[in-house]
C-alpha atoms as a PDB file:
ATOM      1  CA  UNK A   1       0.000   0.000   0.000  1.00  0.00           C
ATOM      2  CA  UNK A   2       1.285   3.487  -0.840  1.00  0.00           C
ATOM      3  CA  UNK A   3       0.492   6.841   0.734  1.00  0.00           C
ATOM      4  CA  UNK A   4       0.869  10.493  -0.217  1.00  0.00           C
ATOM      5  CA  UNK A   5       2.061  12.816   2.548  1.00  0.00           C
ATOM      6  CA  UNK A   6       1.078  16.461   2.210  1.00  0.00           C
ATOM      7  CA  UNK A   7       0.392  19.596   4.200  1.00  0.00           C
ATOM      8  CA  UNK A   8      -3.236  19.654   5.279  1.00  0.00           C
ATOM      9  CA  UNK A   9      -5.579  22.579   4.712  1.00  0.00           C
ATOM     10  CA  UNK A  10      -8.818  23.870   6.201  1.00  0.00           C
ATOM     11  CA  UNK A  11     -10.572  22.007   3.390  1.00  0.00           C
ATOM     12  CA  UNK A  12      -9.713  18.677   5.017  1.00  0.00           C
ATOM     13  CA  UNK A  13     -10.732  19.658   8.580  1.00  0.00           C
ATOM     14  CA  UNK A  14     -13.863  17.487   8.506  1.00  0.00           C
ATOM     15  CA  UNK A  15     -11.859  14.446   7.395  1.00  0.00           C
ATOM     16  CA  UNK A  16      -9.228  15.100  10.075  1.00  0.00           C
ATOM     17  CA  UNK A  17     -11.937  15.207  12.733  1.00  0.00           C
ATOM     18  CA  UNK A  18     -13.417  11.928  11.409  1.00  0.00           C
ATOM     19  CA  UNK A  19     -10.015  10.196  11.581  1.00  0.00           C
ATOM     20  CA  UNK A  20      -9.516  11.528  15.099  1.00  0.00           C
ATOM     21  CA  UNK A  21     -12.921  10.228  16.238  1.00  0.00           C
ATOM     22  CA  UNK A  22     -12.254   6.809  14.692  1.00  0.00           C
ATOM     23  CA  UNK A  23      -8.863   6.671  16.389  1.00  0.00           C
ATOM     24  CA  UNK A  24     -10.488   7.493  19.740  1.00  0.00           C
ATOM     25  CA  UNK A  25     -13.131   4.764  19.265  1.00  0.00           C
ATOM     26  CA  UNK A  26     -10.685   2.073  18.156  1.00  0.00           C
ATOM     27  CA  UNK A  27      -7.561   2.780  20.224  1.00  0.00           C
ATOM     28  CA  UNK A  28      -6.458  -0.123  22.433  1.00  0.00           C
ATOM     29  CA  UNK A  29      -7.060   1.895  25.626  1.00  0.00           C
ATOM     30  CA  UNK A  30      -9.181   5.063  25.715  1.00  0.00           C
ATOM     31  CA  UNK A  31      -6.750   6.943  27.964  1.00  0.00           C
ATOM     32  CA  UNK A  32      -4.020   6.643  25.314  1.00  0.00           C
ATOM     33  CA  UNK A  33      -5.635   9.218  23.035  1.00  0.00           C
ATOM     34  CA  UNK A  34      -6.794  12.731  23.905  1.00  0.00           C
ATOM     35  CA  UNK A  35      -8.926  14.361  21.218  1.00  0.00           C
ATOM     36  CA  UNK A  36      -8.962  17.999  20.142  1.00  0.00           C
ATOM     37  CA  UNK A  37     -12.022  19.987  19.153  1.00  0.00           C
ATOM     38  CA  UNK A  38     -12.629  21.431  15.710  1.00  0.00           C
ATOM     39  CA  UNK A  39     -11.863  24.994  16.796  1.00  0.00           C
ATOM     40  CA  UNK A  40      -8.411  23.998  18.076  1.00  0.00           C
ATOM     41  CA  UNK A  41      -7.625  21.988  14.946  1.00  0.00           C
ATOM     42  CA  UNK A  42      -8.870  24.844  12.753  1.00  0.00           C
ATOM     43  CA  UNK A  43      -6.510  27.243  14.565  1.00  0.00           C
ATOM     44  CA  UNK A  44      -3.603  24.878  13.881  1.00  0.00           C
ATOM     45  CA  UNK A  45      -4.487  24.725  10.193  1.00  0.00           C
ATOM     46  CA  UNK A  46      -4.917  28.510   9.915  1.00  0.00           C
ATOM     47  CA  UNK A  47      -1.980  30.003  11.831  1.00  0.00           C
ATOM     48  CA  UNK A  48      -0.956  28.122  14.975  1.00  0.00           C
ATOM     49  CA  UNK A  49       0.895  25.249  13.291  1.00  0.00           C
ATOM     50  CA  UNK A  50       0.327  22.772  10.493  1.00  0.00           C
ATOM     51  CA  UNK A  51      -0.959  19.269   9.820  1.00  0.00           C
ATOM     52  CA  UNK A  52       0.673  16.525   7.783  1.00  0.00           C
ATOM     53  CA  UNK A  53      -1.896  14.301   6.104  1.00  0.00           C
ATOM     54  CA  UNK A  54      -1.445  10.794   4.723  1.00  0.00           C
ATOM     55  CA  UNK A  55      -3.752   9.703   1.918  1.00  0.00           C
ATOM     56  CA  UNK A  56      -3.958   6.189   0.535  1.00  0.00           C
ATOM     57  CA  UNK A  57      -2.726   6.348  -3.057  1.00  0.00           C
ATOM     58  CA  UNK A  58      -5.596   4.592  -4.860  1.00  0.00           C
ATOM     59  CA  UNK A  59      -8.671   5.636  -2.878  1.00  0.00           C
ATOM     60  CA  UNK A  60      -7.264   9.067  -1.808  1.00  0.00           C
ATOM     61  CA  UNK A  61      -8.921   8.394   1.571  1.00  0.00           C
ATOM     62  CA  UNK A  62      -7.394  10.262   4.488  1.00  0.00           C
ATOM     63  CA  UNK A  63      -5.522   7.474   6.294  1.00  0.00           C
ATOM     64  CA  UNK A  64      -4.064   9.591   9.067  1.00  0.00           C
ATOM     65  CA  UNK A  65      -2.747  12.952  10.201  1.00  0.00           C
ATOM     66  CA  UNK A  66      -0.025  14.418  12.397  1.00  0.00           C
ATOM     67  CA  UNK A  67      -0.565  17.895  13.853  1.00  0.00           C
ATOM     68  CA  UNK A  68       2.135  20.345  14.924  1.00  0.00           C
ATOM     69  CA  UNK A  69       1.308  23.277  17.209  1.00  0.00           C
ATOM     70  CA  UNK A  70       3.237  26.465  18.000  1.00  0.00           C
ATOM     71  CA  UNK A  71       2.098  27.187  21.582  1.00  0.00           C
ATOM     72  CA  UNK A  72       3.700  30.550  22.317  1.00  0.00           C
ATOM     73  CA  UNK A  73       3.963  31.112  26.056  1.00  0.00           C
ATOM     74  CA  UNK A  74       0.667  29.558  27.183  1.00  0.00           C
ATOM     75  CA  UNK A  75       0.200  25.871  28.024  1.00  0.00           C
ATOM     76  CA  UNK A  76       3.718  25.223  26.801  1.00  0.00           C
ATOM     77  CA  UNK A  77       5.379  21.847  27.396  1.00  0.00           C
ATOM     78  CA  UNK A  78       8.718  23.673  27.510  1.00  0.00           C
ATOM     79  CA  UNK A  79       8.057  24.428  31.164  1.00  0.00           C
ATOM     80  CA  UNK A  80       8.594  20.706  31.848  1.00  0.00           C
ATOM     81  CA  UNK A  81      12.074  21.106  30.322  1.00  0.00           C
ATOM     82  CA  UNK A  82      12.858  24.075  32.567  1.00  0.00           C
ATOM     83  CA  UNK A  83      12.371  26.644  29.809  1.00  0.00           C
ATOM     84  CA  UNK A  84      10.908  30.077  30.519  1.00  0.00           C
ATOM     85  CA  UNK A  85      10.424  33.525  29.048  1.00  0.00           C
ATOM     86  CA  UNK A  86      11.544  33.932  25.448  1.00  0.00           C
ATOM     87  CA  UNK A  87      12.816  30.328  25.350  1.00  0.00           C
ATOM     88  CA  UNK A  88       9.193  29.194  25.239  1.00  0.00           C
ATOM     89  CA  UNK A  89       8.891  30.674  21.727  1.00  0.00           C
ATOM     90  CA  UNK A  90      11.428  28.068  20.569  1.00  0.00           C
ATOM     91  CA  UNK A  91       9.099  25.222  21.604  1.00  0.00           C
ATOM     92  CA  UNK A  92       7.030  23.285  19.086  1.00  0.00           C
ATOM     93  CA  UNK A  93       4.453  20.688  20.130  1.00  0.00           C
ATOM     94  CA  UNK A  94       4.416  17.540  18.041  1.00  0.00           C
ATOM     95  CA  UNK A  95       0.796  17.589  18.999  1.00  0.00           C
ATOM     96  CA  UNK A  96      -1.329  14.686  17.829  1.00  0.00           C
ATOM     97  CA  UNK A  97      -1.145  11.681  15.532  1.00  0.00           C
ATOM     98  CA  UNK A  98      -4.077   9.541  14.449  1.00  0.00           C
ATOM     99  CA  UNK A  99      -4.401   6.753  11.896  1.00  0.00           C
ATOM    100  CA  UNK A 100      -7.545   4.989  10.706  1.00  0.00           C
ATOM    101  CA  UNK A 101      -7.717   1.450  12.035  1.00  0.00           C
ATOM    102  CA  UNK A 102      -7.497  -0.190   8.593  1.00  0.00           C
ATOM    103  CA  UNK A 103      -4.222   1.646   7.850  1.00  0.00           C
ATOM    104  CA  UNK A 104      -2.425   0.869  11.101  1.00  0.00           C
ATOM    105  CA  UNK A 105       0.717  -1.205  10.826  1.00  0.00           C
ATOM    106  CA  UNK A 106       2.066   0.641   7.759  1.00  0.00           C
ATOM    107  CA  UNK A 107       4.372   2.925   9.758  1.00  0.00           C
ATOM    108  CA  UNK A 108       2.316   6.040   9.057  1.00  0.00           C
ATOM    109  CA  UNK A 109       2.966   7.714  12.406  1.00  0.00           C
ATOM    110  CA  UNK A 110       6.721   7.414  11.845  1.00  0.00           C
ATOM    111  CA  UNK A 111       6.453   8.643   8.230  1.00  0.00           C
ATOM    112  CA  UNK A 112       4.234  11.610   9.137  1.00  0.00           C
ATOM    113  CA  UNK A 113       6.569  12.542  12.007  1.00  0.00           C
ATOM    114  CA  UNK A 114       9.546  12.528   9.626  1.00  0.00           C
ATOM    115  CA  UNK A 115       7.640  14.723   7.142  1.00  0.00           C
ATOM    116  CA  UNK A 116       6.610  17.117   9.945  1.00  0.00           C
ATOM    117  CA  UNK A 117      10.244  17.402  11.033  1.00  0.00           C
ATOM    118  CA  UNK A 118      11.271  18.189   7.447  1.00  0.00           C
ATOM    119  CA  UNK A 119       8.746  21.053   7.447  1.00  0.00           C
ATOM    120  CA  UNK A 120      10.092  22.313  10.778  1.00  0.00           C
ATOM    121  CA  UNK A 121      13.702  22.104   9.559  1.00  0.00           C
ATOM    122  CA  UNK A 122      12.764  24.121   6.480  1.00  0.00           C
ATOM    123  CA  UNK A 123      10.955  26.682   8.637  1.00  0.00           C
ATOM    124  CA  UNK A 124      13.983  27.033  10.921  1.00  0.00           C
ATOM    125  CA  UNK A 125      16.188  27.795   7.914  1.00  0.00           C
ATOM    126  CA  UNK A 126      13.716  30.327   6.504  1.00  0.00           C
ATOM    127  CA  UNK A 127      13.418  32.155   9.846  1.00  0.00           C
ATOM    128  CA  UNK A 128      17.115  31.924  10.699  1.00  0.00           C
ATOM    129  CA  UNK A 129      16.318  29.985  13.884  1.00  0.00           C
ATOM    130  CA  UNK A 130      19.325  28.330  15.492  1.00  0.00           C
ATOM    131  CA  UNK A 131      17.506  26.289  18.148  1.00  0.00           C
ATOM    132  CA  UNK A 132      14.167  24.548  18.524  1.00  0.00           C
ATOM    133  CA  UNK A 133      12.700  22.311  21.215  1.00  0.00           C
ATOM    134  CA  UNK A 134      10.322  19.742  19.731  1.00  0.00           C
ATOM    135  CA  UNK A 135       8.138  18.305  22.452  1.00  0.00           C
ATOM    136  CA  UNK A 136       5.368  15.751  22.732  1.00  0.00           C
ATOM    137  CA  UNK A 137       3.394  13.671  25.179  1.00  0.00           C
ATOM    138  CA  UNK A 138       2.792   9.920  25.068  1.00  0.00           C
ATOM    139  CA  UNK A 139       0.812   7.643  27.376  1.00  0.00           C
ATOM    140  CA  UNK A 140       3.353   5.442  29.231  1.00  0.00           C
ATOM    141  CA  UNK A 141       1.664   2.227  28.029  1.00  0.00           C
ATOM    142  CA  UNK A 142       1.516   3.302  24.363  1.00  0.00           C
ATOM    143  CA  UNK A 143       4.763   1.561  23.464  1.00  0.00           C
ATOM    144  CA  UNK A 144       4.239   1.975  19.704  1.00  0.00           C
ATOM    145  CA  UNK A 145       4.108   5.785  19.880  1.00  0.00           C
ATOM    146  CA  UNK A 146       6.804   5.933  22.544  1.00  0.00           C
ATOM    147  CA  UNK A 147       9.150   3.812  20.430  1.00  0.00           C
ATOM    148  CA  UNK A 148       8.491   5.954  17.333  1.00  0.00           C
ATOM    149  CA  UNK A 149       9.336   9.144  19.202  1.00  0.00           C
ATOM    150  CA  UNK A 150      12.427   7.700  20.887  1.00  0.00           C
ATOM    151  CA  UNK A 151      13.722   6.317  17.584  1.00  0.00           C
ATOM    152  CA  UNK A 152      13.315   9.821  16.135  1.00  0.00           C
ATOM    153  CA  UNK A 153      15.556  11.224  18.900  1.00  0.00           C
ATOM    154  CA  UNK A 154      13.009  12.364  21.485  1.00  0.00           C
ATOM    155  CA  UNK A 155      14.063  11.847  25.105  1.00  0.00           C
ATOM    156  CA  UNK A 156      11.882  11.322  28.148  1.00  0.00           C
ATOM    157  CA  UNK A 157      12.109  14.294  30.502  1.00  0.00           C
ATOM    158  CA  UNK A 158       9.286  13.672  32.983  1.00  0.00           C
ATOM    159  CA  UNK A 159       5.996  11.994  33.734  1.00  0.00           C
ATOM    160  CA  UNK A 160       2.958  14.228  34.345  1.00  0.00           C
ATOM    161  CA  UNK A 161      -0.816  14.310  34.485  1.00  0.00           C
ATOM    162  CA  UNK A 162      -2.210  16.319  31.569  1.00  0.00           C
ATOM    163  CA  UNK A 163      -5.401  16.677  29.512  1.00  0.00           C
ATOM    164  CA  UNK A 164      -7.749  16.468  32.478  1.00  0.00           C
ATOM    165  CA  UNK A 165      -5.623  14.146  34.596  1.00  0.00           C
ATOM    166  CA  UNK A 166      -4.371  11.632  32.011  1.00  0.00           C
ATOM    167  CA  UNK A 167      -0.960  10.141  32.689  1.00  0.00           C
ATOM    168  CA  UNK A 168       1.667  11.143  30.096  1.00  0.00           C
ATOM    169  CA  UNK A 169       5.374  11.003  29.451  1.00  0.00           C
ATOM    170  CA  UNK A 170       6.723  14.350  28.263  1.00  0.00           C
ATOM    171  CA  UNK A 171       9.473  13.987  25.669  1.00  0.00           C
ATOM    172  CA  UNK A 172      11.798  16.550  24.121  1.00  0.00           C
ATOM    173  CA  UNK A 173      14.146  16.730  21.161  1.00  0.00           C
ATOM    174  CA  UNK A 174      16.511  19.692  21.055  1.00  0.00           C
ATOM    175  CA  UNK A 175      17.265  20.567  17.430  1.00  0.00           C
ATOM    176  CA  UNK A 176      20.029  22.966  16.409  1.00  0.00           C
ATOM    177  CA  UNK A 177      20.682  24.749  13.135  1.00  0.00           C
ATOM    178  CA  UNK A 178      23.661  22.444  12.513  1.00  0.00           C
ATOM    179  CA  UNK A 179      21.450  19.355  12.788  1.00  0.00           C
ATOM    180  CA  UNK A 180      18.984  20.701  10.228  1.00  0.00           C
ATOM    181  CA  UNK A 181      21.818  21.449   7.795  1.00  0.00           C
ATOM    182  CA  UNK A 182      23.131  17.897   8.101  1.00  0.00           C
ATOM    183  CA  UNK A 183      19.733  16.243   7.645  1.00  0.00           C
ATOM    184  CA  UNK A 184      18.746  15.137   4.150  1.00  0.00           C
ATOM    185  CA  UNK A 185      15.517  16.796   3.061  1.00  0.00           C
END
């Protein structure tokens, strides 16, 4: 099976929300997945981040998505890494990943993460950024997602209760300008 990875747009918001709801219904354990509302996802698509979408090549069905959020200073995971003040503007949340049940097992989360990081690397170069903290949360029992993030260079920094009391690992990957120059895009 082949997939196309692209930047999402507001035009695919409804499909993104459908994939998210299916992921919530079919996830192994409900506490592994925290959903976002349409307003939040719309804000990401408009100006607060971006979404990588994966479409199955033949059907063009949305198979999954990976959202990236630029939090600014509020509700910023960087505080778990000891960051404060202006440093918080260097934090990016690798926010949410969801894949339709019938497309699981094809490595889509890993592929979408890699594509999201390519977009972030490109953005760092365009803005002249020399440092970025890429952060995410993963339920401690969600070994698939945890392994994907660790294999991509994310390191566990703490365990916390987030999203209304759900247990999460907070992971961080510090990316420098030199690393983005050395990465093949």
